[in-house]
Protein backbone atom coordinates (compact mmCIF):
# COMPACT_ATOMS: atom_id res chain seq x y z
CA UNK A 1 160.14 -145.88 5.83
CA UNK A 2 160.97 -147.30 2.54
CA UNK A 3 162.15 -145.33 -0.37
CA UNK A 4 162.65 -142.04 0.92
CA UNK A 5 164.71 -139.02 -0.59
CA UNK A 6 167.59 -135.82 -0.32
CA UNK A 7 167.38 -133.17 -2.64
CA UNK A 8 167.74 -129.35 -2.08
CA UNK A 9 164.77 -127.56 -4.13
CA UNK A 10 166.46 -125.42 -6.57
CA UNK A 11 164.63 -122.23 -7.37
CA UNK A 12 164.47 -121.79 -11.57
CA UNK A 13 162.33 -120.73 -14.16
CA UNK A 14 159.33 -122.93 -14.85
CA UNK A 15 160.28 -124.00 -18.24
CA UNK A 16 161.10 -127.39 -19.72
CA UNK A 17 163.40 -129.25 -22.14
CA UNK A 18 163.77 -132.54 -24.06
CA UNK A 19 166.92 -134.45 -23.04
CA UNK A 20 169.55 -134.88 -25.75
CA UNK A 21 171.32 -138.22 -26.47
CA UNK A 22 173.85 -137.72 -23.62
CA UNK A 23 170.98 -136.56 -21.28
CA UNK A 24 169.41 -139.80 -22.01
CA UNK A 25 172.34 -141.96 -21.48
CA UNK A 26 172.75 -140.32 -18.23
CA UNK A 27 169.42 -140.90 -17.59
CA UNK A 28 169.75 -144.72 -18.56
CA UNK A 29 172.84 -144.83 -16.33
CA UNK A 30 171.34 -143.98 -13.45
CA UNK A 31 168.61 -146.23 -13.90
CA UNK A 32 170.58 -149.36 -14.45
CA UNK A 33 172.63 -148.61 -11.37
CA UNK A 34 169.72 -147.84 -9.28
CA UNK A 35 168.55 -151.57 -10.21
CA UNK A 36 172.00 -152.98 -9.51
CA UNK A 37 172.01 -151.21 -6.17
CA UNK A 38 168.47 -152.15 -5.09
CA UNK A 39 168.20 -155.88 -6.52
CA UNK A 40 171.55 -156.87 -6.51
CA UNK A 41 173.55 -155.58 -3.53
CA UNK A 42 173.51 -157.04 0.07
CA UNK A 43 171.45 -154.91 2.04
CA UNK A 44 174.46 -153.53 4.63
CA UNK A 45 175.93 -152.04 1.22
CA UNK A 46 173.04 -150.22 -0.33
CA UNK A 47 172.76 -146.87 1.73
CA UNK A 48 176.46 -146.09 0.53
CA UNK A 49 175.95 -146.77 -2.63
CA UNK A 50 172.66 -144.94 -2.90
CA UNK A 51 174.60 -142.14 -1.39
CA UNK A 52 176.87 -142.05 -4.26
CA UNK A 53 174.21 -142.52 -6.82
CA UNK A 54 172.16 -139.39 -5.20
CA UNK A 55 175.02 -137.33 -5.50
CA UNK A 56 175.34 -138.31 -9.32
CA UNK A 57 171.34 -137.44 -9.63
CA UNK A 58 171.94 -134.29 -7.69
CA UNK A 59 174.45 -133.22 -10.34
CA UNK A 60 172.09 -134.31 -12.96
CA UNK A 61 169.19 -131.91 -11.79
CA UNK A 62 171.81 -129.20 -11.99
CA UNK A 63 173.19 -129.96 -15.67
CA UNK A 64 169.31 -130.56 -16.42
CA UNK A 65 167.28 -128.38 -14.36
CA UNK A 66 164.27 -128.32 -16.71
CA UNK A 67 164.16 -131.74 -17.25
CA UNK A 68 161.55 -133.13 -15.23
CA UNK A 69 163.05 -136.63 -16.15
CA UNK A 70 166.12 -135.68 -14.03
CA UNK A 71 163.83 -134.54 -11.20
CA UNK A 72 161.99 -137.68 -11.07
CA UNK A 73 164.94 -140.03 -10.70
CA UNK A 74 166.57 -137.74 -8.40
CA UNK A 75 163.29 -138.11 -6.23
CA UNK A 76 163.79 -142.18 -6.59
CA UNK A 77 167.32 -142.51 -6.21
CA UNK A 78 167.33 -139.95 -3.08
CA UNK A 79 164.43 -141.89 -1.65
CA UNK A 80 165.92 -145.06 -1.89
CA UNK A 81 168.73 -143.90 -0.15
CA UNK A 82 167.15 -142.72 2.91
CA UNK A 83 165.05 -146.08 3.11
CA UNK A 84 168.34 -147.94 3.06
CA UNK A 85 170.21 -145.57 5.84
CA UNK A 86 167.00 -145.19 7.98
CA UNK A 87 167.39 -143.31 11.08
CA UNK A 88 166.69 -139.67 12.33
CA UNK A 89 167.80 -138.35 8.96
CA UNK A 90 165.05 -139.97 6.70
CA UNK A 91 162.37 -137.68 7.08
CA UNK A 92 164.30 -134.88 6.05
CA UNK A 93 165.04 -136.69 3.41
CA UNK A 94 161.55 -137.78 2.34
CA UNK A 95 160.26 -134.26 2.35
CA UNK A 96 163.29 -133.22 -0.10
CA UNK A 97 162.01 -136.30 -2.08
CA UNK A 98 158.51 -134.81 -2.02
CA UNK A 99 159.83 -131.08 -3.38
CA UNK A 100 161.73 -133.14 -6.26
CA UNK A 101 159.06 -135.19 -7.20
CA UNK A 102 156.53 -131.96 -7.03
CA UNK A 103 158.96 -130.13 -9.25
CA UNK A 104 158.96 -132.74 -11.99
CA UNK A 105 155.24 -132.52 -11.89
CA UNK A 106 155.49 -129.05 -12.57
CA UNK A 107 157.85 -129.08 -15.32
CA UNK A 108 156.10 -131.97 -16.85
CA UNK A 109 153.34 -134.08 -15.39
CA UNK A 110 153.43 -136.84 -18.19
CA UNK A 111 157.11 -137.18 -17.97
CA UNK A 112 158.28 -140.95 -17.78
CA UNK A 113 154.66 -141.90 -18.44
CA UNK A 114 153.50 -140.06 -15.06
CA UNK A 115 156.44 -141.67 -13.11
CA UNK A 116 156.33 -138.65 -10.81
CA UNK A 117 152.84 -139.31 -9.37
CA UNK A 118 153.78 -142.91 -8.88
CA UNK A 119 156.73 -142.29 -6.69
CA UNK A 120 154.74 -139.31 -4.88
CA UNK A 121 152.02 -141.76 -4.28
CA UNK A 122 154.19 -144.09 -2.76
CA UNK A 123 155.83 -141.58 -0.42
CA UNK A 124 152.49 -140.51 0.79
CA UNK A 125 151.61 -144.16 1.58
CA UNK A 126 155.07 -144.99 3.54
CA UNK A 127 155.58 -141.76 5.00
CA UNK A 128 154.42 -141.76 8.67
CA UNK A 129 151.28 -139.55 9.14
CA UNK A 130 150.71 -136.15 11.21
CA UNK A 131 152.71 -135.15 13.68
CA UNK A 132 155.67 -137.13 12.57
CA UNK A 133 155.38 -136.79 9.03
CA UNK A 134 153.02 -136.26 5.84
CA UNK A 135 151.86 -139.30 5.13
CA UNK A 136 148.40 -139.43 3.95
CA UNK A 137 146.55 -142.46 2.34
CA UNK A 138 144.01 -140.22 0.50
CA UNK A 139 146.84 -138.30 -1.08
CA UNK A 140 148.27 -141.50 -1.78
CA UNK A 141 145.25 -142.75 -3.67
CA UNK A 142 144.78 -139.50 -5.54
CA UNK A 143 148.56 -139.62 -6.74
CA UNK A 144 148.36 -143.30 -7.73
CA UNK A 145 145.19 -142.72 -9.65
CA UNK A 146 146.49 -139.87 -11.73
CA UNK A 147 149.67 -142.32 -12.49
CA UNK A 148 147.31 -145.04 -13.41
CA UNK A 149 145.41 -142.75 -15.99
CA UNK A 150 148.89 -141.99 -17.68
CA UNK A 151 150.14 -145.19 -17.39
CA UNK A 152 147.55 -148.09 -16.57
CA UNK A 153 149.38 -151.11 -17.73
CA UNK A 154 152.83 -149.85 -16.14
CA UNK A 155 154.35 -152.52 -13.94
CA UNK A 156 155.80 -150.18 -11.47
CA UNK A 157 152.14 -148.13 -11.69
CA UNK A 158 150.34 -151.18 -10.90
CA UNK A 159 152.61 -152.72 -8.59
CA UNK A 160 152.17 -149.61 -5.92
CA UNK A 161 148.67 -149.17 -6.70
CA UNK A 162 148.37 -152.65 -5.94
CA UNK A 163 150.46 -151.76 -2.52
CA UNK A 164 148.39 -149.31 -1.70
CA UNK A 165 145.25 -151.46 -2.15
CA UNK A 166 146.97 -154.14 0.37
CA UNK A 167 147.89 -151.17 2.70
CA UNK A 168 143.93 -150.62 2.76
CA UNK A 169 142.97 -154.19 3.15
CA UNK A 170 141.53 -154.09 -0.33
CA UNK A 171 143.18 -157.88 -1.04
CA UNK A 172 140.95 -158.82 -4.22
CA UNK A 173 141.54 -155.30 -5.98
CA UNK A 174 145.07 -155.60 -4.99
CA UNK A 175 145.34 -159.05 -6.52
CA UNK A 176 143.90 -158.13 -9.56
CA UNK A 177 146.41 -154.96 -10.22
CA UNK A 178 149.15 -157.45 -9.42
CA UNK A 179 148.18 -160.19 -11.86
CA UNK A 180 147.78 -157.49 -14.40
CA UNK A 181 151.44 -156.06 -13.62
CA UNK A 182 152.83 -159.34 -14.41
CA UNK A 183 151.49 -159.01 -17.79
CA UNK A 184 153.17 -155.81 -18.43
CA UNK A 185 155.50 -155.48 -21.51
CA UNK A 186 159.32 -155.65 -20.87
CA UNK A 187 160.90 -152.36 -20.68
CA UNK A 188 163.83 -152.28 -23.03
CA UNK A 189 167.26 -151.57 -21.08
CA UNK A 190 165.56 -152.18 -17.54
CA UNK A 191 165.63 -155.93 -17.55
CA UNK A 192 166.90 -155.93 -14.13
CA UNK A 193 164.52 -153.39 -12.92
CA UNK A 194 161.77 -155.33 -14.18
CA UNK A 195 163.27 -158.68 -12.92
CA UNK A 196 163.32 -157.01 -9.47
CA UNK A 197 160.00 -155.62 -9.40
CA UNK A 198 158.64 -159.00 -10.34
CA UNK A 199 159.92 -160.55 -7.52
CA UNK A 200 158.39 -157.65 -5.37
CA UNK A 201 155.00 -158.42 -6.85
CA UNK A 202 155.60 -162.18 -6.15
CA UNK A 203 156.36 -161.30 -2.48
CA UNK A 204 152.82 -159.22 -2.32
CA UNK A 205 150.85 -161.87 -3.62
CA UNK A 206 152.08 -164.27 -1.06
CA UNK A 207 151.36 -161.77 1.81
CA UNK A 208 147.79 -161.36 0.11
CA UNK A 209 147.40 -165.22 0.05
CA UNK A 210 148.66 -165.54 3.82
CA UNK A 211 145.65 -162.23 4.90
CA UNK A 212 143.03 -164.35 2.73
CA UNK A 213 143.60 -167.52 4.19
């Protein structure tokens, strides 16, 4: 189970607000730290680092409860923590992650170019199915298609769509999506995340080549 989540579902009024400059800087800091942990730290050190970042992202949702961006990144960070930590507690973290991402969609489905749909689709792909978990390939495809409709050229959107296709043995389609992902425009301020994602794209392309012989 990779990239999973820990949050409590807060009962708040369903209204949104835009992040101010301080909120945007806080979001950028969480994004940058996530990339550092995910792509720079040794694997053995990631769980503890993600735990600290999850506490920070939890605080961000309390400070900005109407900001979908805060909920999206709370879900991403906490799911990454659960994936790094593994063990019996991972499933509870993933269920909380789903709640966080669903909260983001309730607030603003278009936030961060549909990133909540991308992350939720990835969860449905990676979590075990019933009776252990809520994994569901059909739901994953539905979420990822919504993400593609909002952001058809994004590197993350295309990577997770390709991963979904790969899991379904749709190797030709997956390869085409990955090749398109490599053409995605750079994201200012997220250079490390782009570099890391490109490494994952290369790894998945290699896996596809091996499957196709």
